[in-house]
């Protein structure tokens, strides 16, 4: 699926949670940020993720803190090199696909709190 298709299915609730990889998360976030300004894109993406985790029966997997942090990282890098499609962007930013990127900025116990799932906490 293209990033636009993934985002569309995330929006309308038809995305299969089983096939939604971390790479797809980043591609869809990139597409949302291409289509909307930062806060609108973040709200749209967050709402889709919350619906997806609820439909999958794992609402506790959604984290406002992690979502906001990733959207911020992606938006900052997009602003430095605008106009790239998702694949070129990922090729230039492979660390966004590696584990532990957000954890470099947050203590594990801070990310594990119920509050971090509902409020975008600062590091």
C-alpha atoms as a PDB file:
ATOM      1  CA  UNK A   1       0.000   0.000   0.000  1.00  0.00           C
ATOM      2  CA  UNK A   2       1.080   3.561  -0.601  1.00  0.00           C
ATOM      3  CA  UNK A   3       1.451   5.937   2.355  1.00  0.00           C
ATOM      4  CA  UNK A   4      -1.694   7.765   1.166  1.00  0.00           C
ATOM      5  CA  UNK A   5      -3.668   4.500   1.169  1.00  0.00           C
ATOM      6  CA  UNK A   6      -2.372   3.541   4.610  1.00  0.00           C
ATOM      7  CA  UNK A   7      -3.329   6.942   6.016  1.00  0.00           C
ATOM      8  CA  UNK A   8      -6.753   6.757   4.359  1.00  0.00           C
ATOM      9  CA  UNK A   9      -7.414   3.373   5.914  1.00  0.00           C
ATOM     10  CA  UNK A  10      -6.163   4.608   9.267  1.00  0.00           C
ATOM     11  CA  UNK A  11      -8.595   7.528   8.930  1.00  0.00           C
ATOM     12  CA  UNK A  12     -11.615   5.443   7.994  1.00  0.00           C
ATOM     13  CA  UNK A  13     -10.903   2.600  10.414  1.00  0.00           C
ATOM     14  CA  UNK A  14     -10.398  -0.083   7.748  1.00  0.00           C
ATOM     15  CA  UNK A  15      -6.655  -0.629   8.333  1.00  0.00           C
ATOM     16  CA  UNK A  16      -5.799  -4.139   9.508  1.00  0.00           C
ATOM     17  CA  UNK A  17      -3.828  -3.793  12.768  1.00  0.00           C
ATOM     18  CA  UNK A  18      -2.034  -7.083  12.136  1.00  0.00           C
ATOM     19  CA  UNK A  19      -0.316  -5.752   9.036  1.00  0.00           C
ATOM     20  CA  UNK A  20       0.505  -2.260  10.337  1.00  0.00           C
ATOM     21  CA  UNK A  21       4.281  -2.266  10.826  1.00  0.00           C
ATOM     22  CA  UNK A  22       6.455   0.406  12.388  1.00  0.00           C
ATOM     23  CA  UNK A  23       7.597   1.305   8.866  1.00  0.00           C
ATOM     24  CA  UNK A  24       3.933   1.817   7.916  1.00  0.00           C
ATOM     25  CA  UNK A  25       3.478   4.023  11.004  1.00  0.00           C
ATOM     26  CA  UNK A  26       6.289   6.300   9.850  1.00  0.00           C
ATOM     27  CA  UNK A  27       5.117   6.309   6.225  1.00  0.00           C
ATOM     28  CA  UNK A  28       1.561   7.246   7.263  1.00  0.00           C
ATOM     29  CA  UNK A  29       2.831   9.931   9.651  1.00  0.00           C
ATOM     30  CA  UNK A  30       4.965  11.360   6.860  1.00  0.00           C
ATOM     31  CA  UNK A  31       1.924  11.454   4.576  1.00  0.00           C
ATOM     32  CA  UNK A  32      -0.223  13.138   7.227  1.00  0.00           C
ATOM     33  CA  UNK A  33       2.461  15.805   7.649  1.00  0.00           C
ATOM     34  CA  UNK A  34       2.621  16.297   3.867  1.00  0.00           C
ATOM     35  CA  UNK A  35      -1.136  16.869   3.753  1.00  0.00           C
ATOM     36  CA  UNK A  36      -1.675  19.005   6.864  1.00  0.00           C
ATOM     37  CA  UNK A  37       0.144  21.398   9.134  1.00  0.00           C
ATOM     38  CA  UNK A  38       1.805  19.874  12.192  1.00  0.00           C
ATOM     39  CA  UNK A  39      -0.967  20.056  14.783  1.00  0.00           C
ATOM     40  CA  UNK A  40      -3.746  19.003  12.401  1.00  0.00           C
ATOM     41  CA  UNK A  41      -1.625  16.120  11.105  1.00  0.00           C
ATOM     42  CA  UNK A  42      -0.732  15.037  14.634  1.00  0.00           C
ATOM     43  CA  UNK A  43      -4.354  15.131  15.792  1.00  0.00           C
ATOM     44  CA  UNK A  44      -5.475  13.186  12.718  1.00  0.00           C
ATOM     45  CA  UNK A  45      -2.747  10.561  13.085  1.00  0.00           C
ATOM     46  CA  UNK A  46      -3.285  10.205  16.840  1.00  0.00           C
ATOM     47  CA  UNK A  47      -7.042   9.728  16.410  1.00  0.00           C
ATOM     48  CA  UNK A  48      -6.430   7.016  13.827  1.00  0.00           C
ATOM     49  CA  UNK A  49      -3.927   5.223  16.043  1.00  0.00           C
ATOM     50  CA  UNK A  50      -6.283   5.332  19.033  1.00  0.00           C
ATOM     51  CA  UNK A  51      -9.100   3.827  16.935  1.00  0.00           C
ATOM     52  CA  UNK A  52      -6.745   1.177  15.599  1.00  0.00           C
ATOM     53  CA  UNK A  53      -5.508   0.088  19.033  1.00  0.00           C
ATOM     54  CA  UNK A  54      -9.054   0.045  20.406  1.00  0.00           C
ATOM     55  CA  UNK A  55     -10.301  -2.055  17.484  1.00  0.00           C
ATOM     56  CA  UNK A  56      -7.354  -4.424  17.993  1.00  0.00           C
ATOM     57  CA  UNK A  57      -8.321  -4.795  21.662  1.00  0.00           C
ATOM     58  CA  UNK A  58      -5.095  -3.226  22.929  1.00  0.00           C
ATOM     59  CA  UNK A  59      -5.932   0.410  23.714  1.00  0.00           C
ATOM     60  CA  UNK A  60      -3.098   0.473  26.252  1.00  0.00           C
ATOM     61  CA  UNK A  61      -0.597   0.314  23.369  1.00  0.00           C
ATOM     62  CA  UNK A  62      -1.481   3.850  22.276  1.00  0.00           C
ATOM     63  CA  UNK A  63       0.815   6.515  23.742  1.00  0.00           C
ATOM     64  CA  UNK A  64       0.216  10.224  23.252  1.00  0.00           C
ATOM     65  CA  UNK A  65       3.794  10.868  24.330  1.00  0.00           C
ATOM     66  CA  UNK A  66       5.371   8.516  21.783  1.00  0.00           C
ATOM     67  CA  UNK A  67       3.017   9.661  19.027  1.00  0.00           C
ATOM     68  CA  UNK A  68       3.773  13.333  19.634  1.00  0.00           C
ATOM     69  CA  UNK A  69       7.517  12.685  19.901  1.00  0.00           C
ATOM     70  CA  UNK A  70       7.613  10.762  16.608  1.00  0.00           C
ATOM     71  CA  UNK A  71       5.455  13.313  14.811  1.00  0.00           C
ATOM     72  CA  UNK A  72       7.803  16.055  16.056  1.00  0.00           C
ATOM     73  CA  UNK A  73      10.908  14.191  14.911  1.00  0.00           C
ATOM     74  CA  UNK A  74       9.421  13.438  11.499  1.00  0.00           C
ATOM     75  CA  UNK A  75       8.158  17.002  10.992  1.00  0.00           C
ATOM     76  CA  UNK A  76      11.507  18.517  11.972  1.00  0.00           C
ATOM     77  CA  UNK A  77      13.380  16.343   9.511  1.00  0.00           C
ATOM     78  CA  UNK A  78      10.833  16.957   6.766  1.00  0.00           C
ATOM     79  CA  UNK A  79      11.272  20.702   7.250  1.00  0.00           C
ATOM     80  CA  UNK A  80      15.013  20.367   6.733  1.00  0.00           C
ATOM     81  CA  UNK A  81      14.578  18.551   3.413  1.00  0.00           C
ATOM     82  CA  UNK A  82      11.061  19.216   2.098  1.00  0.00           C
ATOM     83  CA  UNK A  83       9.476  17.539  -0.886  1.00  0.00           C
ATOM     84  CA  UNK A  84      10.746  14.005  -0.392  1.00  0.00           C
ATOM     85  CA  UNK A  85       8.404  11.081  -0.800  1.00  0.00           C
ATOM     86  CA  UNK A  86       8.175   8.633   2.096  1.00  0.00           C
ATOM     87  CA  UNK A  87      10.687   6.136   0.696  1.00  0.00           C
ATOM     88  CA  UNK A  88      13.369   8.764   0.049  1.00  0.00           C
ATOM     89  CA  UNK A  89      12.681  10.223   3.491  1.00  0.00           C
ATOM     90  CA  UNK A  90      13.104   6.833   5.171  1.00  0.00           C
ATOM     91  CA  UNK A  91      16.276   6.110   3.207  1.00  0.00           C
ATOM     92  CA  UNK A  92      17.709   9.358   4.549  1.00  0.00           C
ATOM     93  CA  UNK A  93      16.405   8.787   8.108  1.00  0.00           C
ATOM     94  CA  UNK A  94      16.828   5.076   8.875  1.00  0.00           C
ATOM     95  CA  UNK A  95      17.072   5.750  12.613  1.00  0.00           C
ATOM     96  CA  UNK A  96      13.309   6.440  12.599  1.00  0.00           C
ATOM     97  CA  UNK A  97      12.848   2.723  11.944  1.00  0.00           C
ATOM     98  CA  UNK A  98      15.292   1.526  14.587  1.00  0.00           C
ATOM     99  CA  UNK A  99      14.086   0.745  18.068  1.00  0.00           C
ATOM    100  CA  UNK A 100      14.755   2.997  21.012  1.00  0.00           C
ATOM    101  CA  UNK A 101      14.773   6.392  19.305  1.00  0.00           C
ATOM    102  CA  UNK A 102      12.193   7.959  21.618  1.00  0.00           C
ATOM    103  CA  UNK A 103      13.631   6.116  24.612  1.00  0.00           C
ATOM    104  CA  UNK A 104      16.866   8.089  24.175  1.00  0.00           C
ATOM    105  CA  UNK A 105      14.942  11.163  25.289  1.00  0.00           C
ATOM    106  CA  UNK A 106      12.626   9.659  27.924  1.00  0.00           C
ATOM    107  CA  UNK A 107      13.182   7.575  31.024  1.00  0.00           C
ATOM    108  CA  UNK A 108      11.477   4.172  30.668  1.00  0.00           C
ATOM    109  CA  UNK A 109       9.362   4.700  33.786  1.00  0.00           C
ATOM    110  CA  UNK A 110       8.070   8.005  32.360  1.00  0.00           C
ATOM    111  CA  UNK A 111       6.935   6.322  29.124  1.00  0.00           C
ATOM    112  CA  UNK A 112       5.301   3.485  31.064  1.00  0.00           C
ATOM    113  CA  UNK A 113       2.864   5.669  32.984  1.00  0.00           C
ATOM    114  CA  UNK A 114      -0.851   5.807  32.206  1.00  0.00           C
ATOM    115  CA  UNK A 115      -0.467   9.587  31.979  1.00  0.00           C
ATOM    116  CA  UNK A 116       1.987   9.248  29.062  1.00  0.00           C
ATOM    117  CA  UNK A 117      -0.668   7.341  27.123  1.00  0.00           C
ATOM    118  CA  UNK A 118      -3.130  10.220  27.466  1.00  0.00           C
ATOM    119  CA  UNK A 119      -0.940  13.340  27.567  1.00  0.00           C
ATOM    120  CA  UNK A 120       2.119  14.175  25.453  1.00  0.00           C
ATOM    121  CA  UNK A 121       4.681  14.458  28.237  1.00  0.00           C
ATOM    122  CA  UNK A 122       7.912  16.363  27.883  1.00  0.00           C
ATOM    123  CA  UNK A 123      11.142  14.373  28.391  1.00  0.00           C
END
